[in-house]
Amino acid sequence: MPKRITYHITKREDGGWNVKRPNAERASAIEETQREAINKAKDFLSDNPLGQIKIHSEDGRIRTEHTYGNDPKRTKG
């Protein structure tokens, strides 16, 4: 079974946005806007059967999560 790949979209101190895997030392991509960072993460996940993007607000809290592929958690909402 393939492993789910996760990317976090977080605000940078310089005003840009990171596209980063958990526990990674460096960002996979740096984009000017949050929308561009989300699209880049979607591009990275396009070849994977399982993926997740966690979008953080400017204060660092997770605002939204998008799960792609077969989500093993069958919860409503």
N, C-alpha and C. Protein backbone atom coordinates (compact mmCIF):
# COMPACT_ATOMS: atom_id res chain seq x y z
N MET A 1 0.85 -1.18 0.00
CA MET A 1 0.00 0.00 0.00
C MET A 1 0.90 1.25 0.00
N PRO A 2 0.65 2.17 -0.90
CA PRO A 2 1.47 3.39 -0.94
C PRO A 2 1.28 4.24 0.30
N LYS A 3 2.32 4.95 0.67
CA LYS A 3 2.27 5.82 1.83
C LYS A 3 1.73 7.20 1.43
N ARG A 4 0.91 7.78 2.30
CA ARG A 4 0.36 9.10 2.04
C ARG A 4 1.47 10.14 2.14
N ILE A 5 1.56 11.00 1.14
CA ILE A 5 2.54 12.08 1.14
C ILE A 5 1.82 13.36 1.54
N THR A 6 2.41 14.09 2.50
CA THR A 6 1.81 15.30 3.03
C THR A 6 2.71 16.49 2.78
N TYR A 7 2.09 17.60 2.42
CA TYR A 7 2.78 18.89 2.29
C TYR A 7 2.07 19.91 3.16
N HIS A 8 2.86 20.75 3.84
CA HIS A 8 2.34 21.84 4.64
C HIS A 8 2.61 23.15 3.90
N ILE A 9 1.61 24.01 3.84
CA ILE A 9 1.74 25.33 3.24
C ILE A 9 1.82 26.32 4.41
N THR A 10 2.99 26.96 4.59
CA THR A 10 3.20 27.84 5.73
C THR A 10 3.78 29.19 5.29
N LYS A 11 3.45 30.22 6.04
CA LYS A 11 3.92 31.58 5.77
C LYS A 11 5.40 31.69 6.15
N ARG A 12 6.15 32.39 5.30
CA ARG A 12 7.56 32.65 5.56
C ARG A 12 7.73 34.04 6.18
N GLU A 13 8.84 34.27 6.85
CA GLU A 13 9.11 35.57 7.45
C GLU A 13 9.26 36.66 6.39
N ASP A 14 9.70 36.28 5.18
CA ASP A 14 9.89 37.27 4.11
C ASP A 14 8.60 37.56 3.34
N GLY A 15 7.49 36.94 3.76
CA GLY A 15 6.19 37.20 3.13
C GLY A 15 5.77 36.15 2.13
N GLY A 16 6.67 35.27 1.72
CA GLY A 16 6.32 34.20 0.78
C GLY A 16 5.69 33.03 1.52
N TRP A 17 5.51 31.93 0.78
CA TRP A 17 4.87 30.74 1.33
C TRP A 17 5.71 29.51 1.02
N ASN A 18 5.94 28.66 2.04
CA ASN A 18 6.67 27.41 1.89
C ASN A 18 5.73 26.28 1.51
N VAL A 19 6.23 25.37 0.69
CA VAL A 19 5.60 24.08 0.43
C VAL A 19 6.59 23.08 1.01
N LYS A 20 6.24 22.45 2.12
CA LYS A 20 7.23 21.67 2.86
C LYS A 20 6.66 20.36 3.36
N ARG A 21 7.46 19.30 3.25
CA ARG A 21 7.09 17.99 3.82
C ARG A 21 7.40 18.00 5.31
N PRO A 22 6.66 17.23 6.12
CA PRO A 22 6.95 17.16 7.55
C PRO A 22 8.38 16.68 7.80
N ASN A 23 9.02 17.27 8.77
CA ASN A 23 10.39 16.92 9.19
C ASN A 23 11.46 17.23 8.15
N ALA A 24 11.12 17.90 7.08
CA ALA A 24 12.12 18.28 6.08
C ALA A 24 12.89 19.51 6.59
N GLU A 25 14.18 19.55 6.27
CA GLU A 25 14.98 20.69 6.67
C GLU A 25 14.71 21.91 5.79
N ARG A 26 14.44 21.66 4.51
CA ARG A 26 14.21 22.75 3.56
C ARG A 26 12.86 22.58 2.89
N ALA A 27 12.34 23.68 2.40
CA ALA A 27 11.07 23.66 1.67
C ALA A 27 11.28 23.01 0.31
N SER A 28 10.27 22.31 -0.17
CA SER A 28 10.29 21.74 -1.51
C SER A 28 10.12 22.82 -2.55
N ALA A 29 9.41 23.90 -2.18
CA ALA A 29 9.20 25.04 -3.07
C ALA A 29 8.89 26.26 -2.22
N ILE A 30 9.18 27.43 -2.77
CA ILE A 30 8.84 28.70 -2.15
C ILE A 30 8.07 29.50 -3.19
N GLU A 31 6.88 29.97 -2.82
CA GLU A 31 6.03 30.70 -3.75
C GLU A 31 5.66 32.06 -3.16
N GLU A 32 5.29 33.00 -4.03
CA GLU A 32 4.93 34.35 -3.57
C GLU A 32 3.58 34.41 -2.88
N THR A 33 2.62 33.60 -3.34
CA THR A 33 1.28 33.63 -2.75
C THR A 33 0.90 32.26 -2.22
N GLN A 34 -0.08 32.25 -1.32
CA GLN A 34 -0.56 30.98 -0.78
C GLN A 34 -1.20 30.14 -1.88
N ARG A 35 -1.93 30.77 -2.79
CA ARG A 35 -2.59 30.06 -3.88
C ARG A 35 -1.54 29.35 -4.76
N GLU A 36 -0.43 30.05 -5.07
CA GLU A 36 0.63 29.44 -5.87
C GLU A 36 1.27 28.26 -5.13
N ALA A 37 1.41 28.39 -3.81
CA ALA A 37 1.99 27.30 -3.02
C ALA A 37 1.06 26.08 -3.01
N ILE A 38 -0.23 26.31 -2.89
CA ILE A 38 -1.20 25.21 -2.93
C ILE A 38 -1.15 24.51 -4.28
N ASN A 39 -1.11 25.28 -5.35
CA ASN A 39 -1.04 24.69 -6.69
C ASN A 39 0.24 23.90 -6.89
N LYS A 40 1.35 24.38 -6.34
CA LYS A 40 2.62 23.65 -6.45
C LYS A 40 2.54 22.32 -5.71
N ALA A 41 1.94 22.33 -4.52
CA ALA A 41 1.77 21.09 -3.76
C ALA A 41 0.89 20.11 -4.53
N LYS A 42 -0.16 20.60 -5.17
CA LYS A 42 -1.02 19.74 -5.99
C LYS A 42 -0.22 19.13 -7.14
N ASP A 43 0.65 19.94 -7.75
CA ASP A 43 1.51 19.42 -8.83
C ASP A 43 2.40 18.30 -8.32
N PHE A 44 3.00 18.51 -7.14
CA PHE A 44 3.87 17.48 -6.55
C PHE A 44 3.11 16.19 -6.29
N LEU A 45 1.84 16.30 -5.93
CA LEU A 45 1.03 15.12 -5.59
C LEU A 45 0.35 14.48 -6.79
N SER A 46 0.45 15.08 -7.95
CA SER A 46 -0.31 14.61 -9.11
C SER A 46 0.04 13.19 -9.53
N ASP A 47 1.23 12.72 -9.25
CA ASP A 47 1.64 11.37 -9.64
C ASP A 47 1.47 10.35 -8.51
N ASN A 48 0.98 10.78 -7.36
CA ASN A 48 0.85 9.89 -6.21
C ASN A 48 -0.61 9.52 -5.97
N PRO A 49 -0.88 8.25 -5.64
CA PRO A 49 -2.26 7.85 -5.40
C PRO A 49 -2.83 8.38 -4.09
N LEU A 50 -1.96 8.71 -3.12
CA LEU A 50 -2.41 9.21 -1.83
C LEU A 50 -1.65 10.49 -1.49
N GLY A 51 -2.40 11.53 -1.11
CA GLY A 51 -1.75 12.78 -0.77
C GLY A 51 -2.60 13.62 0.15
N GLN A 52 -1.93 14.58 0.81
CA GLN A 52 -2.64 15.49 1.69
C GLN A 52 -1.91 16.83 1.69
N ILE A 53 -2.69 17.91 1.69
CA ILE A 53 -2.15 19.25 1.79
C ILE A 53 -2.77 19.90 3.02
N LYS A 54 -1.91 20.37 3.93
CA LYS A 54 -2.37 21.07 5.13
C LYS A 54 -2.02 22.54 4.96
N ILE A 55 -3.04 23.37 4.90
CA ILE A 55 -2.88 24.79 4.64
C ILE A 55 -2.96 25.54 5.97
N HIS A 56 -1.88 26.25 6.29
CA HIS A 56 -1.80 26.99 7.54
C HIS A 56 -2.18 28.45 7.30
N SER A 57 -2.80 29.07 8.30
CA SER A 57 -3.07 30.50 8.23
C SER A 57 -1.78 31.25 8.56
N GLU A 58 -1.80 32.55 8.46
CA GLU A 58 -0.60 33.35 8.70
C GLU A 58 -0.08 33.20 10.12
N ASP A 59 -0.95 32.85 11.09
CA ASP A 59 -0.50 32.67 12.47
C ASP A 59 0.05 31.26 12.73
N GLY A 60 0.08 30.41 11.70
CA GLY A 60 0.67 29.08 11.82
C GLY A 60 -0.30 27.96 12.12
N ARG A 61 -1.53 28.28 12.45
CA ARG A 61 -2.51 27.23 12.76
C ARG A 61 -3.04 26.61 11.47
N ILE A 62 -3.34 25.31 11.50
CA ILE A 62 -3.90 24.64 10.33
C ILE A 62 -5.30 25.18 10.09
N ARG A 63 -5.50 25.71 8.91
CA ARG A 63 -6.79 26.32 8.53
C ARG A 63 -7.65 25.31 7.78
N THR A 64 -7.04 24.56 6.85
CA THR A 64 -7.76 23.63 5.99
C THR A 64 -6.86 22.45 5.66
N GLU A 65 -7.48 21.29 5.46
CA GLU A 65 -6.77 20.11 4.99
C GLU A 65 -7.49 19.56 3.77
N HIS A 66 -6.72 19.18 2.76
CA HIS A 66 -7.27 18.54 1.57
C HIS A 66 -6.62 17.17 1.46
N THR A 67 -7.43 16.12 1.38
CA THR A 67 -6.93 14.76 1.26
C THR A 67 -7.29 14.22 -0.11
N TYR A 68 -6.32 13.61 -0.78
CA TYR A 68 -6.50 13.07 -2.11
C TYR A 68 -6.28 11.56 -2.08
N GLY A 69 -7.04 10.84 -2.88
CA GLY A 69 -6.93 9.39 -2.92
C GLY A 69 -7.89 8.75 -1.94
N ASN A 70 -7.63 7.53 -1.58
CA ASN A 70 -8.49 6.76 -0.69
C ASN A 70 -8.22 7.15 0.75
N ASP A 71 -9.11 7.93 1.34
CA ASP A 71 -8.96 8.37 2.73
C ASP A 71 -9.45 7.25 3.65
N PRO A 72 -8.56 6.70 4.50
CA PRO A 72 -8.97 5.60 5.36
C PRO A 72 -9.92 6.02 6.48
N LYS A 73 -9.99 7.30 6.79
CA LYS A 73 -10.90 7.79 7.83
C LYS A 73 -12.25 8.09 7.18
N ARG A 74 -13.24 7.37 7.54
CA ARG A 74 -14.57 7.53 6.97
C ARG A 74 -15.44 8.38 7.88
N THR A 75 -15.08 9.65 8.05
CA THR A 75 -15.87 10.54 8.89
C THR A 75 -16.59 11.55 8.03
N LYS A 76 -17.72 12.01 8.51
CA LYS A 76 -18.47 13.03 7.78
C LYS A 76 -17.80 14.38 7.98
N GLY A 77 -17.96 15.24 6.95
CA GLY A 77 -17.46 16.59 7.09
C GLY A 77 -16.30 16.87 6.35
